[in-house]
């Protein structure tokens, strides 16, 4: 799966996203004149794991490498919007009338 992304049918993913290692597999098939292309991928980042599947249905330009390219756009968009960034942990805060009794944000009272 690494080889498909590095130099195989899924290498179009890397034209859009290189910041995290992504493993993936493409596929293309057709039935009754309709073409299908798909790409399944997995990224195990230091901030968490993500699995994506892109499934396309259409005519001649529909094939697995196109699905991999779109996955690259998806990963790029996630990265640009801080999806792969460290998330701050909840911090204790004092609530009114708690007199030295800190409560965690979002914790049931």
N, C-alpha and C. Protein backbone atom coordinates (compact mmCIF):
# COMPACT_ATOMS: atom_id res chain seq x y z
N UNK A 1 0.82 -1.19 0.00
CA UNK A 1 0.00 0.00 0.00
C UNK A 1 0.86 1.26 0.00
N UNK A 2 2.01 1.17 0.60
CA UNK A 2 2.93 2.31 0.56
C UNK A 2 3.45 2.52 -0.86
N UNK A 3 3.77 1.43 -1.54
CA UNK A 3 4.28 1.51 -2.90
C UNK A 3 3.28 2.13 -3.87
N UNK A 4 1.99 1.83 -3.68
CA UNK A 4 0.97 2.40 -4.56
C UNK A 4 0.96 3.92 -4.45
N UNK A 5 1.15 4.44 -3.24
CA UNK A 5 1.13 5.89 -3.03
C UNK A 5 2.47 6.51 -3.43
N UNK A 6 3.57 5.82 -3.19
CA UNK A 6 4.88 6.39 -3.49
C UNK A 6 5.18 6.45 -4.99
N UNK A 7 4.89 5.35 -5.70
CA UNK A 7 5.25 5.33 -7.13
C UNK A 7 4.33 4.47 -7.97
N UNK A 8 3.15 4.15 -7.47
CA UNK A 8 2.20 3.33 -8.22
C UNK A 8 0.98 4.11 -8.67
N UNK A 9 -0.14 3.41 -8.76
CA UNK A 9 -1.36 4.01 -9.29
C UNK A 9 -1.94 5.10 -8.40
N UNK A 10 -1.55 5.18 -7.14
CA UNK A 10 -2.08 6.19 -6.23
C UNK A 10 -1.13 7.37 -6.04
N UNK A 11 -0.10 7.48 -6.85
CA UNK A 11 0.90 8.53 -6.64
C UNK A 11 0.34 9.94 -6.83
N UNK A 12 -0.81 10.09 -7.49
CA UNK A 12 -1.41 11.42 -7.64
C UNK A 12 -1.80 12.01 -6.29
N UNK A 13 -2.01 11.16 -5.28
CA UNK A 13 -2.28 11.66 -3.93
C UNK A 13 -1.12 12.55 -3.48
N UNK A 14 0.11 12.13 -3.76
CA UNK A 14 1.30 12.84 -3.28
C UNK A 14 1.51 14.17 -4.00
N UNK A 15 0.86 14.39 -5.13
CA UNK A 15 0.99 15.70 -5.78
C UNK A 15 0.25 16.76 -4.99
N UNK A 16 -0.69 16.35 -4.14
CA UNK A 16 -1.49 17.29 -3.35
C UNK A 16 -1.16 17.28 -1.87
N UNK A 17 -0.58 16.17 -1.36
CA UNK A 17 -0.38 16.06 0.08
C UNK A 17 0.86 15.21 0.37
N UNK A 18 1.86 15.83 1.05
CA UNK A 18 3.08 15.10 1.39
C UNK A 18 3.44 15.20 2.87
N UNK A 19 2.63 15.90 3.65
CA UNK A 19 3.00 16.18 5.04
C UNK A 19 2.92 14.98 5.97
N UNK A 20 2.08 14.01 5.69
CA UNK A 20 1.93 12.82 6.52
C UNK A 20 2.02 11.58 5.62
N UNK A 21 2.56 10.47 6.11
CA UNK A 21 2.59 9.25 5.30
C UNK A 21 1.19 8.65 5.19
N UNK A 22 0.81 8.30 3.97
CA UNK A 22 -0.51 7.71 3.70
C UNK A 22 -0.29 6.41 2.95
N UNK A 23 -0.99 5.37 3.37
CA UNK A 23 -0.98 4.09 2.68
C UNK A 23 -2.30 3.97 1.93
N UNK A 24 -2.30 3.36 0.75
CA UNK A 24 -3.56 3.27 0.02
C UNK A 24 -3.54 2.28 -1.12
N UNK A 25 -4.73 2.01 -1.65
CA UNK A 25 -4.91 1.08 -2.75
C UNK A 25 -6.00 1.60 -3.66
N UNK A 26 -5.74 1.59 -4.97
CA UNK A 26 -6.72 2.01 -5.96
C UNK A 26 -7.41 0.81 -6.58
N UNK A 27 -8.53 1.07 -7.23
CA UNK A 27 -9.23 0.04 -7.98
C UNK A 27 -10.09 0.67 -9.06
N UNK A 28 -10.22 -0.03 -10.18
CA UNK A 28 -11.04 0.44 -11.29
C UNK A 28 -11.77 -0.76 -11.87
N UNK A 29 -13.05 -0.59 -12.18
CA UNK A 29 -13.81 -1.65 -12.85
C UNK A 29 -14.98 -1.01 -13.57
N UNK A 30 -15.73 -1.81 -14.33
CA UNK A 30 -16.89 -1.29 -15.03
C UNK A 30 -17.97 -2.36 -15.11
N UNK A 31 -19.22 -1.89 -15.28
CA UNK A 31 -20.35 -2.79 -15.43
C UNK A 31 -21.40 -2.08 -16.27
N UNK A 32 -21.84 -2.73 -17.32
CA UNK A 32 -22.89 -2.19 -18.20
C UNK A 32 -22.58 -0.78 -18.68
N UNK A 33 -21.33 -0.52 -19.01
CA UNK A 33 -20.93 0.78 -19.54
C UNK A 33 -20.64 1.84 -18.49
N UNK A 34 -20.85 1.55 -17.23
CA UNK A 34 -20.55 2.50 -16.15
C UNK A 34 -19.22 2.12 -15.53
N UNK A 35 -18.37 3.10 -15.38
CA UNK A 35 -17.05 2.85 -14.76
C UNK A 35 -17.09 3.23 -13.29
N UNK A 36 -16.30 2.51 -12.50
CA UNK A 36 -16.17 2.76 -11.07
C UNK A 36 -14.68 2.87 -10.74
N UNK A 37 -14.35 3.82 -9.91
CA UNK A 37 -12.99 3.98 -9.43
C UNK A 37 -13.03 4.20 -7.94
N UNK A 38 -12.11 3.60 -7.23
CA UNK A 38 -12.09 3.77 -5.78
C UNK A 38 -10.66 3.86 -5.27
N UNK A 39 -10.56 4.42 -4.08
CA UNK A 39 -9.28 4.50 -3.40
C UNK A 39 -9.56 4.39 -1.91
N UNK A 40 -8.93 3.45 -1.26
CA UNK A 40 -9.02 3.30 0.19
C UNK A 40 -7.66 3.64 0.77
N UNK A 41 -7.65 4.42 1.85
CA UNK A 41 -6.37 4.83 2.43
C UNK A 41 -6.42 4.85 3.94
N UNK A 42 -5.22 4.82 4.51
CA UNK A 42 -5.01 4.82 5.95
C UNK A 42 -3.81 5.68 6.27
N UNK A 43 -3.96 6.56 7.25
CA UNK A 43 -2.84 7.37 7.72
C UNK A 43 -2.76 7.24 9.24
N UNK A 44 -1.61 6.86 9.74
CA UNK A 44 -1.38 6.74 11.18
C UNK A 44 -0.45 7.88 11.57
N UNK A 45 -1.04 9.00 11.98
CA UNK A 45 -0.24 10.18 12.30
C UNK A 45 0.04 10.22 13.80
N UNK A 46 0.91 11.10 14.20
CA UNK A 46 1.20 11.26 15.63
C UNK A 46 0.00 11.83 16.38
N UNK A 47 -0.99 12.35 15.67
CA UNK A 47 -2.17 12.94 16.30
C UNK A 47 -3.39 12.04 16.24
N UNK A 48 -3.28 10.91 15.59
CA UNK A 48 -4.41 9.98 15.47
C UNK A 48 -4.41 9.29 14.12
N UNK A 49 -5.33 8.37 13.98
CA UNK A 49 -5.46 7.59 12.74
C UNK A 49 -6.67 8.06 11.95
N UNK A 50 -6.57 7.95 10.62
CA UNK A 50 -7.70 8.29 9.77
C UNK A 50 -7.75 7.30 8.61
N UNK A 51 -8.97 6.86 8.31
CA UNK A 51 -9.22 5.97 7.17
C UNK A 51 -10.17 6.70 6.24
N UNK A 52 -9.86 6.69 4.96
CA UNK A 52 -10.75 7.31 3.97
C UNK A 52 -11.00 6.35 2.82
N UNK A 53 -12.18 6.45 2.25
CA UNK A 53 -12.52 5.71 1.05
C UNK A 53 -13.21 6.68 0.10
N UNK A 54 -12.69 6.78 -1.10
CA UNK A 54 -13.29 7.59 -2.15
C UNK A 54 -13.82 6.62 -3.20
N UNK A 55 -15.10 6.71 -3.53
CA UNK A 55 -15.72 5.83 -4.52
C UNK A 55 -16.36 6.70 -5.58
N UNK A 56 -15.96 6.51 -6.84
CA UNK A 56 -16.46 7.30 -7.96
C UNK A 56 -17.26 6.43 -8.91
N UNK A 57 -18.28 7.00 -9.52
CA UNK A 57 -19.08 6.32 -10.53
C UNK A 57 -19.26 7.28 -11.68
N UNK A 58 -19.03 6.82 -12.91
CA UNK A 58 -19.17 7.73 -14.04
C UNK A 58 -18.73 7.13 -15.35
N UNK A 59 -18.26 7.99 -16.22
CA UNK A 59 -17.85 7.58 -17.56
C UNK A 59 -16.36 7.36 -17.66
N UNK A 60 -15.83 7.59 -18.83
CA UNK A 60 -14.45 7.29 -19.17
C UNK A 60 -13.41 7.87 -18.18
N UNK A 61 -13.55 9.13 -17.70
CA UNK A 61 -12.51 9.67 -16.81
C UNK A 61 -12.58 9.14 -15.37
N UNK A 62 -13.45 8.17 -15.12
CA UNK A 62 -13.59 7.62 -13.77
C UNK A 62 -12.67 6.41 -13.63
N UNK A 63 -11.70 6.50 -12.72
CA UNK A 63 -10.78 5.39 -12.48
C UNK A 63 -10.09 5.59 -11.14
N UNK A 64 -9.46 4.55 -10.63
CA UNK A 64 -8.84 4.56 -9.31
C UNK A 64 -7.85 5.68 -9.06
N UNK A 65 -6.92 5.95 -9.99
CA UNK A 65 -5.98 7.04 -9.75
C UNK A 65 -6.66 8.40 -9.56
N UNK A 66 -7.81 8.63 -10.20
CA UNK A 66 -8.54 9.89 -10.00
C UNK A 66 -9.07 9.94 -8.57
N UNK A 67 -9.55 8.81 -8.05
CA UNK A 67 -10.01 8.75 -6.66
C UNK A 67 -8.86 9.03 -5.70
N UNK A 68 -7.66 8.54 -6.01
CA UNK A 68 -6.48 8.81 -5.17
C UNK A 68 -6.14 10.29 -5.20
N UNK A 69 -6.24 10.91 -6.36
CA UNK A 69 -5.99 12.35 -6.47
C UNK A 69 -6.96 13.13 -5.59
N UNK A 70 -8.24 12.75 -5.63
CA UNK A 70 -9.24 13.43 -4.79
C UNK A 70 -8.97 13.21 -3.31
N UNK A 71 -8.48 12.03 -2.95
CA UNK A 71 -8.11 11.78 -1.55
C UNK A 71 -6.98 12.71 -1.14
N UNK A 72 -6.05 12.97 -2.04
CA UNK A 72 -4.98 13.93 -1.76
C UNK A 72 -5.53 15.31 -1.47
N UNK A 73 -6.55 15.72 -2.23
CA UNK A 73 -7.20 17.01 -1.97
C UNK A 73 -7.88 16.99 -0.60
N UNK A 74 -8.51 15.88 -0.26
CA UNK A 74 -9.17 15.75 1.05
C UNK A 74 -8.15 15.88 2.18
N UNK A 75 -7.06 15.11 2.08
CA UNK A 75 -6.01 15.19 3.11
C UNK A 75 -5.42 16.60 3.19
N UNK A 76 -5.21 17.24 2.04
CA UNK A 76 -4.68 18.61 2.01
C UNK A 76 -5.63 19.54 2.77
N UNK A 77 -6.94 19.42 2.50
CA UNK A 77 -7.93 20.28 3.15
C UNK A 77 -7.95 20.03 4.66
N UNK A 78 -7.90 18.77 5.07
CA UNK A 78 -7.86 18.46 6.50
C UNK A 78 -6.62 19.06 7.15
N UNK A 79 -5.49 18.92 6.48
CA UNK A 79 -4.23 19.45 7.02
C UNK A 79 -4.27 20.97 7.12
N UNK A 80 -4.77 21.62 6.07
CA UNK A 80 -4.83 23.08 6.06
C UNK A 80 -5.77 23.64 7.13
N UNK A 81 -6.73 22.81 7.57
CA UNK A 81 -7.68 23.24 8.60
C UNK A 81 -7.35 22.63 9.96
N UNK A 82 -6.07 22.29 10.17
CA UNK A 82 -5.53 21.86 11.47
C UNK A 82 -6.07 20.53 11.98
N UNK A 83 -6.59 19.66 11.12
CA UNK A 83 -7.09 18.36 11.57
C UNK A 83 -5.97 17.54 12.18
N UNK A 84 -4.77 17.65 11.65
CA UNK A 84 -3.63 16.87 12.12
C UNK A 84 -2.83 17.58 13.22
N UNK A 85 -3.37 18.64 13.80
CA UNK A 85 -2.66 19.40 14.84
C UNK A 85 -3.01 18.85 16.22
N UNK A 86 -2.15 19.14 17.17
CA UNK A 86 -2.38 18.73 18.55
C UNK A 86 -3.60 19.47 19.08
N UNK A 87 -4.52 18.72 19.68
CA UNK A 87 -5.73 19.31 20.25
C UNK A 87 -5.46 19.65 21.72
N UNK A 88 -5.82 20.86 22.15
CA UNK A 88 -5.60 21.21 23.55
C UNK A 88 -6.48 20.38 24.47
N UNK A 89 -5.93 20.01 25.60
CA UNK A 89 -6.69 19.24 26.59
C UNK A 89 -7.60 20.18 27.38
N UNK A 90 -8.65 19.61 27.94
CA UNK A 90 -9.55 20.40 28.78
C UNK A 90 -8.78 20.86 30.01
N UNK A 91 -8.98 22.10 30.41
CA UNK A 91 -8.28 22.63 31.58
C UNK A 91 -9.28 22.88 32.70
N UNK A 92 -8.85 22.68 33.94
CA UNK A 92 -9.74 22.94 35.07
C UNK A 92 -10.07 24.43 35.15
N UNK A 93 -11.32 24.74 35.44
CA UNK A 93 -11.75 26.11 35.65
C UNK A 93 -12.60 26.17 36.91
N UNK A 94 -12.64 27.33 37.49
CA UNK A 94 -13.47 27.52 38.69
C UNK A 94 -14.85 28.00 38.24
N UNK A 95 -15.87 27.43 38.85
CA UNK A 95 -17.22 27.87 38.57
C UNK A 95 -17.70 28.74 39.72
N UNK A 96 -18.68 29.55 39.47
CA UNK A 96 -19.21 30.44 40.51
C UNK A 96 -19.71 29.62 41.69
N UNK A 97 -19.31 29.98 42.88
CA UNK A 97 -19.77 29.30 44.08
C UNK A 97 -19.08 27.99 44.36
N UNK A 98 -17.97 27.69 43.69
CA UNK A 98 -17.32 26.40 43.89
C UNK A 98 -16.31 26.43 45.03
N UNK A 99 -15.93 27.60 45.51
CA UNK A 99 -15.02 27.76 46.64
C UNK A 99 -13.88 26.74 46.65
N UNK A 100 -12.96 26.91 45.74
CA UNK A 100 -11.78 26.05 45.72
C UNK A 100 -12.02 24.65 45.18
N UNK A 101 -13.14 24.45 44.55
CA UNK A 101 -13.50 23.14 43.99
C UNK A 101 -13.50 23.23 42.48
N UNK A 102 -12.33 22.98 41.82
CA UNK A 102 -12.29 23.16 40.36
C UNK A 102 -13.13 22.11 39.66
N UNK A 103 -13.74 22.52 38.56
CA UNK A 103 -14.51 21.61 37.72
C UNK A 103 -13.88 21.60 36.34
N UNK A 104 -13.93 20.48 35.67
CA UNK A 104 -13.38 20.38 34.32
C UNK A 104 -14.44 20.84 33.34
N UNK A 105 -14.00 21.60 32.35
CA UNK A 105 -14.91 22.09 31.33
C UNK A 105 -15.62 20.91 30.70
N UNK A 106 -16.92 20.97 30.60
CA UNK A 106 -17.69 19.93 29.94
C UNK A 106 -17.98 18.73 30.81
N UNK A 107 -17.47 18.70 32.06
CA UNK A 107 -17.71 17.54 32.93
C UNK A 107 -19.11 17.64 33.52
N UNK A 108 -19.79 16.51 33.70
CA UNK A 108 -21.12 16.55 34.29
C UNK A 108 -21.04 17.05 35.72
N UNK A 109 -21.98 17.83 36.10
CA UNK A 109 -22.02 18.40 37.46
C UNK A 109 -22.85 17.55 38.38
